[in-house]
Amino acid sequence: GNDICATHGIPFEILHPLIAETIEKITQINPDLAQTGPALR
């Protein structure tokens, strides 16, 4: 993800809150219930 952002001149830090929420979420609910994204849809 960092490489993709760097290739296109986008600060990777924009994704930090998403990473933090992803990690926090699976400490509270089953990872199966936390799955989102285009593959699931």
PDB file of all heavy atoms in Angstrom:
ATOM      1  N   GLY A   1       0.824  -1.210   0.000  1.00  0.00           N
ATOM      2  CA  GLY A   1       0.000   0.000   0.000  1.00  0.00           C
ATOM      3  C   GLY A   1       0.853   1.253   0.000  1.00  0.00           C
ATOM      4  O   GLY A   1       0.558   2.231  -0.706  1.00  0.00           O
ATOM      5  N   ASN A   2       1.932   1.229   0.770  1.00  0.00           N
ATOM      6  CA  ASN A   2       2.864   2.360   0.812  1.00  0.00           C
ATOM      7  C   ASN A   2       3.525   2.561  -0.546  1.00  0.00           C
ATOM      8  O   ASN A   2       3.675   3.701  -1.014  1.00  0.00           O
ATOM      9  CB  ASN A   2       3.923   2.122   1.886  1.00  0.00           C
ATOM     10  CG  ASN A   2       4.892   3.270   2.025  1.00  0.00           C
ATOM     11  OD1 ASN A   2       4.507   4.373   2.393  1.00  0.00           O
ATOM     12  ND2 ASN A   2       6.161   3.025   1.709  1.00  0.00           N
ATOM     13  N   ASP A   3       3.924   1.462  -1.193  1.00  0.00           N
ATOM     14  CA  ASP A   3       4.556   1.549  -2.515  1.00  0.00           C
ATOM     15  C   ASP A   3       3.603   2.145  -3.551  1.00  0.00           C
ATOM     16  O   ASP A   3       4.005   2.978  -4.376  1.00  0.00           O
ATOM     17  CB  ASP A   3       5.008   0.164  -2.982  1.00  0.00           C
ATOM     18  CG  ASP A   3       6.170  -0.380  -2.173  1.00  0.00           C
ATOM     19  OD1 ASP A   3       6.847   0.416  -1.491  1.00  0.00           O
ATOM     20  OD2 ASP A   3       6.393  -1.609  -2.225  1.00  0.00           O
ATOM     21  N   ILE A   4       2.346   1.706  -3.510  1.00  0.00           N
ATOM     22  CA  ILE A   4       1.350   2.213  -4.469  1.00  0.00           C
ATOM     23  C   ILE A   4       1.149   3.713  -4.279  1.00  0.00           C
ATOM     24  O   ILE A   4       1.114   4.489  -5.243  1.00  0.00           O
ATOM     25  CB  ILE A   4       0.019   1.455  -4.316  1.00  0.00           C
ATOM     26  CG1 ILE A   4       0.195  -0.009  -4.724  1.00  0.00           C
ATOM     27  CG2 ILE A   4      -1.079   2.103  -5.160  1.00  0.00           C
ATOM     28  CD1 ILE A   4      -0.976  -0.897  -4.359  1.00  0.00           C
ATOM     29  N   CYS A   5       1.031   4.130  -3.015  1.00  0.00           N
ATOM     30  CA  CYS A   5       0.874   5.559  -2.731  1.00  0.00           C
ATOM     31  C   CYS A   5       2.091   6.345  -3.211  1.00  0.00           C
ATOM     32  O   CYS A   5       1.959   7.401  -3.844  1.00  0.00           O
ATOM     33  CB  CYS A   5       0.667   5.779  -1.229  1.00  0.00           C
ATOM     34  SG  CYS A   5      -0.972   5.326  -0.623  1.00  0.00           S
ATOM     35  N   ALA A   6       3.287   5.828  -2.910  1.00  0.00           N
ATOM     36  CA  ALA A   6       4.520   6.531  -3.289  1.00  0.00           C
ATOM     37  C   ALA A   6       4.633   6.655  -4.800  1.00  0.00           C
ATOM     38  O   ALA A   6       5.059   7.701  -5.316  1.00  0.00           O
ATOM     39  CB  ALA A   6       5.730   5.787  -2.719  1.00  0.00           C
ATOM     40  N   THR A   7       4.240   5.622  -5.528  1.00  0.00           N
ATOM     41  CA  THR A   7       4.304   5.647  -7.000  1.00  0.00           C
ATOM     42  C   THR A   7       3.458   6.766  -7.577  1.00  0.00           C
ATOM     43  O   THR A   7       3.812   7.380  -8.590  1.00  0.00           O
ATOM     44  CB  THR A   7       3.848   4.284  -7.574  1.00  0.00           C
ATOM     45  OG1 THR A   7       4.733   3.264  -7.115  1.00  0.00           O
ATOM     46  CG2 THR A   7       3.841   4.305  -9.093  1.00  0.00           C
ATOM     47  N   HIS A   8       2.351   7.057  -6.906  1.00  0.00           N
ATOM     48  CA  HIS A   8       1.410   8.060  -7.422  1.00  0.00           C
ATOM     49  C   HIS A   8       1.462   9.372  -6.640  1.00  0.00           C
ATOM     50  O   HIS A   8       0.565  10.216  -6.778  1.00  0.00           O
ATOM     51  CB  HIS A   8      -0.007   7.482  -7.419  1.00  0.00           C
ATOM     52  CG  HIS A   8      -0.156   6.292  -8.328  1.00  0.00           C
ATOM     53  ND1 HIS A   8      -0.380   6.401  -9.684  1.00  0.00           N
ATOM     54  CD2 HIS A   8      -0.086   4.959  -8.071  1.00  0.00           C
ATOM     55  CE1 HIS A   8      -0.457   5.198 -10.216  1.00  0.00           C
ATOM     56  NE2 HIS A   8      -0.289   4.302  -9.254  1.00  0.00           N
ATOM     57  N   GLY A   9       2.493   9.541  -5.797  1.00  0.00           N
ATOM     58  CA  GLY A   9       2.689  10.803  -5.100  1.00  0.00           C
ATOM     59  C   GLY A   9       1.643  11.112  -4.041  1.00  0.00           C
ATOM     60  O   GLY A   9       1.313  12.281  -3.810  1.00  0.00           O
ATOM     61  N   ILE A  10       1.129  10.067  -3.394  1.00  0.00           N
ATOM     62  CA  ILE A  10       0.096  10.238  -2.367  1.00  0.00           C
ATOM     63  C   ILE A  10       0.700   9.909  -1.004  1.00  0.00           C
ATOM     64  O   ILE A  10       1.360   8.873  -0.856  1.00  0.00           O
ATOM     65  CB  ILE A  10      -1.103   9.310  -2.638  1.00  0.00           C
ATOM     66  CG1 ILE A  10      -1.700   9.604  -4.009  1.00  0.00           C
ATOM     67  CG2 ILE A  10      -2.162   9.454  -1.544  1.00  0.00           C
ATOM     68  CD1 ILE A  10      -2.729   8.584  -4.457  1.00  0.00           C
ATOM     69  N   PRO A  11       0.514  10.747   0.027  1.00  0.00           N
ATOM     70  CA  PRO A  11       1.057  10.444   1.357  1.00  0.00           C
ATOM     71  C   PRO A  11       0.403   9.190   1.950  1.00  0.00           C
ATOM     72  O   PRO A  11      -0.828   9.118   2.063  1.00  0.00           O
ATOM     73  CB  PRO A  11       0.712  11.687   2.188  1.00  0.00           C
ATOM     74  CG  PRO A  11       0.426  12.762   1.192  1.00  0.00           C
ATOM     75  CD  PRO A  11      -0.153  12.067  -0.005  1.00  0.00           C
ATOM     76  N   PHE A  12       1.205   8.225   2.328  1.00  0.00           N
ATOM     77  CA  PHE A  12       0.701   6.978   2.914  1.00  0.00           C
ATOM     78  C   PHE A  12      -0.016   7.245   4.235  1.00  0.00           C
ATOM     79  O   PHE A  12      -0.909   6.489   4.639  1.00  0.00           O
ATOM     80  CB  PHE A  12       1.859   6.003   3.125  1.00  0.00           C
ATOM     81  CG  PHE A  12       1.464   4.674   3.707  1.00  0.00           C
ATOM     82  CD1 PHE A  12       0.624   3.807   3.018  1.00  0.00           C
ATOM     83  CD2 PHE A  12       1.931   4.276   4.964  1.00  0.00           C
ATOM     84  CE1 PHE A  12       0.264   2.579   3.554  1.00  0.00           C
ATOM     85  CE2 PHE A  12       1.578   3.051   5.498  1.00  0.00           C
ATOM     86  CZ  PHE A  12       0.739   2.197   4.794  1.00  0.00           C
ATOM     87  N   GLU A  13       0.352   8.335   4.912  1.00  0.00           N
ATOM     88  CA  GLU A  13      -0.234   8.639   6.223  1.00  0.00           C
ATOM     89  C   GLU A  13      -1.745   8.850   6.155  1.00  0.00           C
ATOM     90  O   GLU A  13      -2.434   8.736   7.168  1.00  0.00           O
ATOM     91  CB  GLU A  13       0.433   9.873   6.822  1.00  0.00           C
ATOM     92  CG  GLU A  13       0.184  11.155   6.064  1.00  0.00           C
ATOM     93  CD  GLU A  13       0.969  12.335   6.620  1.00  0.00           C
ATOM     94  OE1 GLU A  13       2.129  12.123   7.041  1.00  0.00           O
ATOM     95  OE2 GLU A  13       0.407  13.442   6.622  1.00  0.00           O
ATOM     96  N   ILE A  14      -2.257   9.125   4.973  1.00  0.00           N
ATOM     97  CA  ILE A  14      -3.712   9.278   4.816  1.00  0.00           C
ATOM     98  C   ILE A  14      -4.418   7.969   5.192  1.00  0.00           C
ATOM     99  O   ILE A  14      -5.561   7.974   5.666  1.00  0.00           O
ATOM    100  CB  ILE A  14      -4.067   9.694   3.372  1.00  0.00           C
ATOM    101  CG1 ILE A  14      -3.502  11.090   3.067  1.00  0.00           C
ATOM    102  CG2 ILE A  14      -5.582   9.693   3.155  1.00  0.00           C
ATOM    103  CD1 ILE A  14      -3.710  11.525   1.632  1.00  0.00           C
ATOM    104  N   LEU A  15      -3.725   6.837   5.023  1.00  0.00           N
ATOM    105  CA  LEU A  15      -4.316   5.529   5.313  1.00  0.00           C
ATOM    106  C   LEU A  15      -4.150   5.110   6.771  1.00  0.00           C
ATOM    107  O   LEU A  15      -4.714   4.096   7.187  1.00  0.00           O
ATOM    108  CB  LEU A  15      -3.691   4.462   4.409  1.00  0.00           C
ATOM    109  CG  LEU A  15      -3.989   4.587   2.914  1.00  0.00           C
ATOM    110  CD1 LEU A  15      -3.192   3.551   2.129  1.00  0.00           C
ATOM    111  CD2 LEU A  15      -5.473   4.427   2.640  1.00  0.00           C
ATOM    112  N   HIS A  16      -3.372   5.853   7.546  1.00  0.00           N
ATOM    113  CA  HIS A  16      -3.112   5.465   8.937  1.00  0.00           C
ATOM    114  C   HIS A  16      -4.391   5.282   9.761  1.00  0.00           C
ATOM    115  O   HIS A  16      -4.514   4.285  10.488  1.00  0.00           O
ATOM    116  CB  HIS A  16      -2.189   6.483   9.607  1.00  0.00           C
ATOM    117  CG  HIS A  16      -0.768   6.399   9.143  1.00  0.00           C
ATOM    118  ND1 HIS A  16       0.240   7.215   9.624  1.00  0.00           N
ATOM    119  CD2 HIS A  16      -0.170   5.588   8.228  1.00  0.00           C
ATOM    120  CE1 HIS A  16       1.377   6.918   9.026  1.00  0.00           C
ATOM    121  NE2 HIS A  16       1.159   5.937   8.173  1.00  0.00           N
ATOM    122  N   PRO A  17      -5.363   6.212   9.695  1.00  0.00           N
ATOM    123  CA  PRO A  17      -6.593   6.007  10.485  1.00  0.00           C
ATOM    124  C   PRO A  17      -7.365   4.759  10.070  1.00  0.00           C
ATOM    125  O   PRO A  17      -7.961   4.083  10.913  1.00  0.00           O
ATOM    126  CB  PRO A  17      -7.403   7.285  10.206  1.00  0.00           C
ATOM    127  CG  PRO A  17      -6.384   8.303   9.832  1.00  0.00           C
ATOM    128  CD  PRO A  17      -5.346   7.550   9.057  1.00  0.00           C
ATOM    129  N   LEU A  18      -7.356   4.439   8.766  1.00  0.00           N
ATOM    130  CA  LEU A  18      -8.026   3.236   8.292  1.00  0.00           C
ATOM    131  C   LEU A  18      -7.351   1.986   8.849  1.00  0.00           C
ATOM    132  O   LEU A  18      -8.022   1.044   9.294  1.00  0.00           O
ATOM    133  CB  LEU A  18      -8.008   3.198   6.762  1.00  0.00           C
ATOM    134  CG  LEU A  18      -8.572   1.930   6.115  1.00  0.00           C
ATOM    135  CD1 LEU A  18     -10.044   1.756   6.467  1.00  0.00           C
ATOM    136  CD2 LEU A  18      -8.363   1.964   4.606  1.00  0.00           C
ATOM    137  N   ILE A  19      -6.021   1.996   8.845  1.00  0.00           N
ATOM    138  CA  ILE A  19      -5.274   0.862   9.397  1.00  0.00           C
ATOM    139  C   ILE A  19      -5.581   0.697  10.883  1.00  0.00           C
ATOM    140  O   ILE A  19      -5.833  -0.415  11.363  1.00  0.00           O
ATOM    141  CB  ILE A  19      -3.758   1.053   9.178  1.00  0.00           C
ATOM    142  CG1 ILE A  19      -3.432   1.006   7.677  1.00  0.00           C
ATOM    143  CG2 ILE A  19      -2.964  -0.012   9.932  1.00  0.00           C
ATOM    144  CD1 ILE A  19      -2.011   1.420   7.357  1.00  0.00           C
ATOM    145  N   ALA A  20      -5.576   1.817  11.604  1.00  0.00           N
ATOM    146  CA  ALA A  20      -5.843   1.778  13.046  1.00  0.00           C
ATOM    147  C   ALA A  20      -7.251   1.255  13.337  1.00  0.00           C
ATOM    148  O   ALA A  20      -7.452   0.439  14.247  1.00  0.00           O
ATOM    149  CB  ALA A  20      -5.652   3.168  13.656  1.00  0.00           C
ATOM    150  N   GLU A  21      -8.249   1.704  12.557  1.00  0.00           N
ATOM    151  CA  GLU A  21      -9.630   1.262  12.765  1.00  0.00           C
ATOM    152  C   GLU A  21      -9.789  -0.214  12.419  1.00  0.00           C
ATOM    153  O   GLU A  21     -10.511  -0.952  13.108  1.00  0.00           O
ATOM    154  CB  GLU A  21     -10.577   2.099  11.912  1.00  0.00           C
ATOM    155  CG  GLU A  21     -12.034   1.641  11.924  1.00  0.00           C
ATOM    156  CD  GLU A  21     -12.675   1.671  13.302  1.00  0.00           C
ATOM    157  OE1 GLU A  21     -12.154   2.374  14.201  1.00  0.00           O
ATOM    158  OE2 GLU A  21     -13.705   0.991  13.484  1.00  0.00           O
ATOM    159  N   THR A  22      -9.106  -0.668  11.391  1.00  0.00           N
ATOM    160  CA  THR A  22      -9.163  -2.077  10.998  1.00  0.00           C
ATOM    161  C   THR A  22      -8.651  -2.962  12.121  1.00  0.00           C
ATOM    162  O   THR A  22      -9.261  -3.982  12.464  1.00  0.00           O
ATOM    163  CB  THR A  22      -8.330  -2.311   9.725  1.00  0.00           C
ATOM    164  OG1 THR A  22      -8.835  -1.491   8.665  1.00  0.00           O
ATOM    165  CG2 THR A  22      -8.384  -3.769   9.308  1.00  0.00           C
ATOM    166  N   ILE A  23      -7.526  -2.570  12.711  1.00  0.00           N
ATOM    167  CA  ILE A  23      -6.937  -3.343  13.794  1.00  0.00           C
ATOM    168  C   ILE A  23      -7.813  -3.289  15.042  1.00  0.00           C
ATOM    169  O   ILE A  23      -8.052  -4.299  15.708  1.00  0.00           O
ATOM    170  CB  ILE A  23      -5.519  -2.841  14.096  1.00  0.00           C
ATOM    171  CG1 ILE A  23      -4.605  -3.094  12.892  1.00  0.00           C
ATOM    172  CG2 ILE A  23      -4.956  -3.511  15.350  1.00  0.00           C
ATOM    173  CD1 ILE A  23      -3.255  -2.434  12.985  1.00  0.00           C
ATOM    174  N   GLU A  24      -8.314  -2.093  15.357  1.00  0.00           N
ATOM    175  CA  GLU A  24      -9.156  -1.934  16.535  1.00  0.00           C
ATOM    176  C   GLU A  24     -10.447  -2.747  16.414  1.00  0.00           C
ATOM    177  O   GLU A  24     -10.914  -3.376  17.368  1.00  0.00           O
ATOM    178  CB  GLU A  24      -9.487  -0.454  16.738  1.00  0.00           C
ATOM    179  CG  GLU A  24     -10.451  -0.159  17.874  1.00  0.00           C
ATOM    180  CD  GLU A  24      -9.877  -0.481  19.242  1.00  0.00           C
ATOM    181  OE1 GLU A  24      -8.631  -0.579  19.365  1.00  0.00           O
ATOM    182  OE2 GLU A  24     -10.666  -0.636  20.190  1.00  0.00           O
ATOM    183  N   LYS A  25     -10.998  -2.771  15.216  1.00  0.00           N
ATOM    184  CA  LYS A  25     -12.278  -3.439  14.995  1.00  0.00           C
ATOM    185  C   LYS A  25     -12.210  -4.934  15.286  1.00  0.00           C
ATOM    186  O   LYS A  25     -13.104  -5.502  15.914  1.00  0.00           O
ATOM    187  CB  LYS A  25     -12.739  -3.217  13.553  1.00  0.00           C
ATOM    188  CG  LYS A  25     -14.162  -3.702  13.265  1.00  0.00           C
ATOM    189  CD  LYS A  25     -14.492  -3.621  11.785  1.00  0.00           C
ATOM    190  CE  LYS A  25     -14.494  -2.195  11.272  1.00  0.00           C
ATOM    191  NZ  LYS A  25     -14.912  -2.136   9.846  1.00  0.00           N
ATOM    192  N   ILE A  26     -11.123  -5.592  14.848  1.00  0.00           N
ATOM    193  CA  ILE A  26     -11.068  -7.047  15.009  1.00  0.00           C
ATOM    194  C   ILE A  26     -10.718  -7.459  16.439  1.00  0.00           C
ATOM    195  O   ILE A  26     -10.713  -8.647  16.755  1.00  0.00           O
ATOM    196  CB  ILE A  26     -10.104  -7.700  13.991  1.00  0.00           C
ATOM    197  CG1 ILE A  26      -8.674  -7.160  14.114  1.00  0.00           C
ATOM    198  CG2 ILE A  26     -10.649  -7.539  12.586  1.00  0.00           C
ATOM    199  CD1 ILE A  26      -7.776  -7.968  14.980  1.00  0.00           C
ATOM    200  N   THR A  27     -10.421  -6.482  17.303  1.00  0.00           N
ATOM    201  CA  THR A  27     -10.277  -6.799  18.725  1.00  0.00           C
ATOM    202  C   THR A  27     -11.632  -6.765  19.426  1.00  0.00           C
ATOM    203  O   THR A  27     -11.749  -7.196  20.569  1.00  0.00           O
ATOM    204  CB  THR A  27      -9.330  -5.805  19.433  1.00  0.00           C
ATOM    205  OG1 THR A  27      -9.914  -4.497  19.452  1.00  0.00           O
ATOM    206  CG2 THR A  27      -7.984  -5.746  18.743  1.00  0.00           C
ATOM    207  N   GLN A  28     -12.661  -6.287  18.720  1.00  0.00           N
ATOM    208  CA  GLN A  28     -13.988  -6.149  19.317  1.00  0.00           C
ATOM    209  C   GLN A  28     -15.022  -7.076  18.694  1.00  0.00           C
ATOM    210  O   GLN A  28     -15.992  -7.462  19.348  1.00  0.00           O
ATOM    211  CB  GLN A  28     -14.453  -4.699  19.209  1.00  0.00           C
ATOM    212  CG  GLN A  28     -13.545  -3.716  19.934  1.00  0.00           C
ATOM    213  CD  GLN A  28     -14.008  -2.279  19.788  1.00  0.00           C
ATOM    214  OE1 GLN A  28     -15.115  -1.993  19.340  1.00  0.00           O
ATOM    215  NE2 GLN A  28     -13.144  -1.342  20.155  1.00  0.00           N
ATOM    216  N   ILE A  29     -14.846  -7.402  17.421  1.00  0.00           N
ATOM    217  CA  ILE A  29     -15.777  -8.308  16.753  1.00  0.00           C
ATOM    218  C   ILE A  29     -14.983  -9.354  15.975  1.00  0.00           C
ATOM    219  O   ILE A  29     -13.801  -9.184  15.687  1.00  0.00           O
ATOM    220  CB  ILE A  29     -16.741  -7.566  15.802  1.00  0.00           C
ATOM    221  CG1 ILE A  29     -15.967  -6.889  14.656  1.00  0.00           C
ATOM    222  CG2 ILE A  29     -17.577  -6.559  16.560  1.00  0.00           C
ATOM    223  CD1 ILE A  29     -16.874  -6.240  13.618  1.00  0.00           C
ATOM    224  N   ASN A  30     -15.646 -10.441  15.616  1.00  0.00           N
ATOM    225  CA  ASN A  30     -15.023 -11.503  14.840  1.00  0.00           C
ATOM    226  C   ASN A  30     -14.562 -10.952  13.493  1.00  0.00           C
ATOM    227  O   ASN A  30     -15.316 -10.225  12.832  1.00  0.00           O
ATOM    228  CB  ASN A  30     -16.044 -12.629  14.633  1.00  0.00           C
ATOM    229  CG  ASN A  30     -15.430 -13.866  14.013  1.00  0.00           C
ATOM    230  OD1 ASN A  30     -14.869 -13.820  12.923  1.00  0.00           O
ATOM    231  ND2 ASN A  30     -15.549 -14.987  14.711  1.00  0.00           N
ATOM    232  N   PRO A  31     -13.340 -11.279  13.057  1.00  0.00           N
ATOM    233  CA  PRO A  31     -12.853 -10.777  11.760  1.00  0.00           C
ATOM    234  C   PRO A  31     -13.787 -11.101  10.596  1.00  0.00           C
ATOM    235  O   PRO A  31     -13.859 -10.326   9.628  1.00  0.00           O
ATOM    236  CB  PRO A  31     -11.502 -11.482  11.596  1.00  0.00           C
ATOM    237  CG  PRO A  31     -11.049 -11.754  12.984  1.00  0.00           C
ATOM    238  CD  PRO A  31     -12.300 -12.043  13.763  1.00  0.00           C
ATOM    239  N   ASP A  32     -14.505 -12.222  10.683  1.00  0.00           N
ATOM    240  CA  ASP A  32     -15.454 -12.552   9.615  1.00  0.00           C
ATOM    241  C   ASP A  32     -16.521 -11.470   9.472  1.00  0.00           C
ATOM    242  O   ASP A  32     -16.967 -11.158   8.362  1.00  0.00           O
ATOM    243  CB  ASP A  32     -16.138 -13.885   9.907  1.00  0.00           C
ATOM    244  CG  ASP A  32     -15.210 -15.071   9.693  1.00  0.00           C
ATOM    245  OD1 ASP A  32     -14.129 -14.863   9.098  1.00  0.00           O
ATOM    246  OD2 ASP A  32     -15.548 -16.188  10.121  1.00  0.00           O
ATOM    247  N   LEU A  33     -16.943 -10.900  10.603  1.00  0.00           N
ATOM    248  CA  LEU A  33     -17.971  -9.863  10.586  1.00  0.00           C
ATOM    249  C   LEU A  33     -17.415  -8.503  10.201  1.00  0.00           C
ATOM    250  O   LEU A  33     -18.176  -7.592   9.860  1.00  0.00           O
ATOM    251  CB  LEU A  33     -18.642  -9.769  11.964  1.00  0.00           C
ATOM    252  CG  LEU A  33     -19.305 -11.047  12.480  1.00  0.00           C
ATOM    253  CD1 LEU A  33     -19.851 -10.824  13.892  1.00  0.00           C
ATOM    254  CD2 LEU A  33     -20.411 -11.483  11.535  1.00  0.00           C
ATOM    255  N   ALA A  34     -16.100  -8.356  10.251  1.00  0.00           N
ATOM    256  CA  ALA A  34     -15.463  -7.068   9.949  1.00  0.00           C
ATOM    257  C   ALA A  34     -15.097  -6.923   8.475  1.00  0.00           C
ATOM    258  O   ALA A  34     -14.711  -5.845   8.037  1.00  0.00           O
ATOM    259  CB  ALA A  34     -14.212  -6.892  10.808  1.00  0.00           C
ATOM    260  N   GLN A  35     -15.231  -8.027   7.718  1.00  0.00           N
ATOM    261  CA  GLN A  35     -14.801  -7.992   6.318  1.00  0.00           C
ATOM    262  C   GLN A  35     -15.675  -7.054   5.486  1.00  0.00           C
ATOM    263  O   GLN A  35     -16.902  -7.108   5.541  1.00  0.00           O
ATOM    264  CB  GLN A  35     -14.847  -9.401   5.716  1.00  0.00           C
ATOM    265  CG  GLN A  35     -14.260  -9.493   4.320  1.00  0.00           C
ATOM    266  CD  GLN A  35     -12.757  -9.247   4.326  1.00  0.00           C
ATOM    267  OE1 GLN A  35     -12.023  -9.917   5.042  1.00  0.00           O
ATOM    268  NE2 GLN A  35     -12.303  -8.286   3.543  1.00  0.00           N
ATOM    269  N   THR A  36     -15.040  -6.185   4.718  1.00  0.00           N
ATOM    270  CA  THR A  36     -15.738  -5.297   3.789  1.00  0.00           C
ATOM    271  C   THR A  36     -14.960  -5.292   2.479  1.00  0.00           C
ATOM    272  O   THR A  36     -13.975  -6.012   2.328  1.00  0.00           O
ATOM    273  CB  THR A  36     -15.819  -3.855   4.338  1.00  0.00           C
ATOM    274  OG1 THR A  36     -14.486  -3.349   4.536  1.00  0.00           O
ATOM    275  CG2 THR A  36     -16.583  -3.803   5.652  1.00  0.00           C
ATOM    276  N   GLY A  37     -15.382  -4.464   1.515  1.00  0.00           N
ATOM    277  CA  GLY A  37     -14.607  -4.269   0.298  1.00  0.00           C
ATOM    278  C   GLY A  37     -15.236  -4.842  -0.953  1.00  0.00           C
ATOM    279  O   GLY A  37     -16.238  -5.562  -0.905  1.00  0.00           O
ATOM    280  N   PRO A  38     -14.644  -4.532  -2.110  1.00  0.00           N
ATOM    281  CA  PRO A  38     -15.221  -4.948  -3.400  1.00  0.00           C
ATOM    282  C   PRO A  38     -15.265  -6.457  -3.601  1.00  0.00           C
ATOM    283  O   PRO A  38     -16.173  -6.957  -4.273  1.00  0.00           O
ATOM    284  CB  PRO A  38     -14.296  -4.275  -4.430  1.00  0.00           C
ATOM    285  CG  PRO A  38     -13.034  -3.969  -3.695  1.00  0.00           C
ATOM    286  CD  PRO A  38     -13.445  -3.710  -2.284  1.00  0.00           C
ATOM    287  N   ALA A  39     -14.317  -7.198  -3.023  1.00  0.00           N
ATOM    288  CA  ALA A  39     -14.342  -8.652  -3.176  1.00  0.00           C
ATOM    289  C   ALA A  39     -15.572  -9.235  -2.497  1.00  0.00           C
ATOM    290  O   ALA A  39     -16.260 -10.094  -3.061  1.00  0.00           O
ATOM    291  CB  ALA A  39     -13.069  -9.264  -2.593  1.00  0.00           C
ATOM    292  N   LEU A  40     -15.862  -8.778  -1.291  1.00  0.00           N
ATOM    293  CA  LEU A  40     -17.033  -9.267  -0.552  1.00  0.00           C
ATOM    294  C   LEU A  40     -18.320  -8.902  -1.285  1.00  0.00           C
ATOM    295  O   LEU A  40     -19.262  -9.690  -1.338  1.00  0.00           O
ATOM    296  CB  LEU A  40     -17.041  -8.669   0.857  1.00  0.00           C
ATOM    297  CG  LEU A  40     -18.193  -9.114   1.757  1.00  0.00           C
ATOM    298  CD1 LEU A  40     -18.013 -10.562   2.182  1.00  0.00           C
ATOM    299  CD2 LEU A  40     -18.296  -8.218   2.990  1.00  0.00           C
ATOM    300  N   ARG A  41     -18.359  -7.701  -1.869  1.00  0.00           N
ATOM    301  CA  ARG A  41     -19.562  -7.222  -2.568  1.00  0.00           C
ATOM    302  C   ARG A  41     -19.682  -7.798  -3.980  1.00  0.00           C
ATOM    303  O   ARG A  41     -20.690  -7.586  -4.650  1.00  0.00           O
ATOM    304  CB  ARG A  41     -19.542  -5.693  -2.655  1.00  0.00           C
ATOM    305  CG  ARG A  41     -19.531  -4.967  -1.323  1.00  0.00           C
ATOM    306  CD  ARG A  41     -19.808  -3.473  -1.523  1.00  0.00           C
ATOM    307  NE  ARG A  41     -18.845  -2.853  -2.428  1.00  0.00           N
ATOM    308  CZ  ARG A  41     -17.696  -2.283  -2.049  1.00  0.00           C
ATOM    309  NH1 ARG A  41     -17.371  -2.295  -0.756  1.00  0.00           N
ATOM    310  NH2 ARG A  41     -16.886  -1.728  -2.930  1.00  0.00           N
TER     311      ARG A  41
END
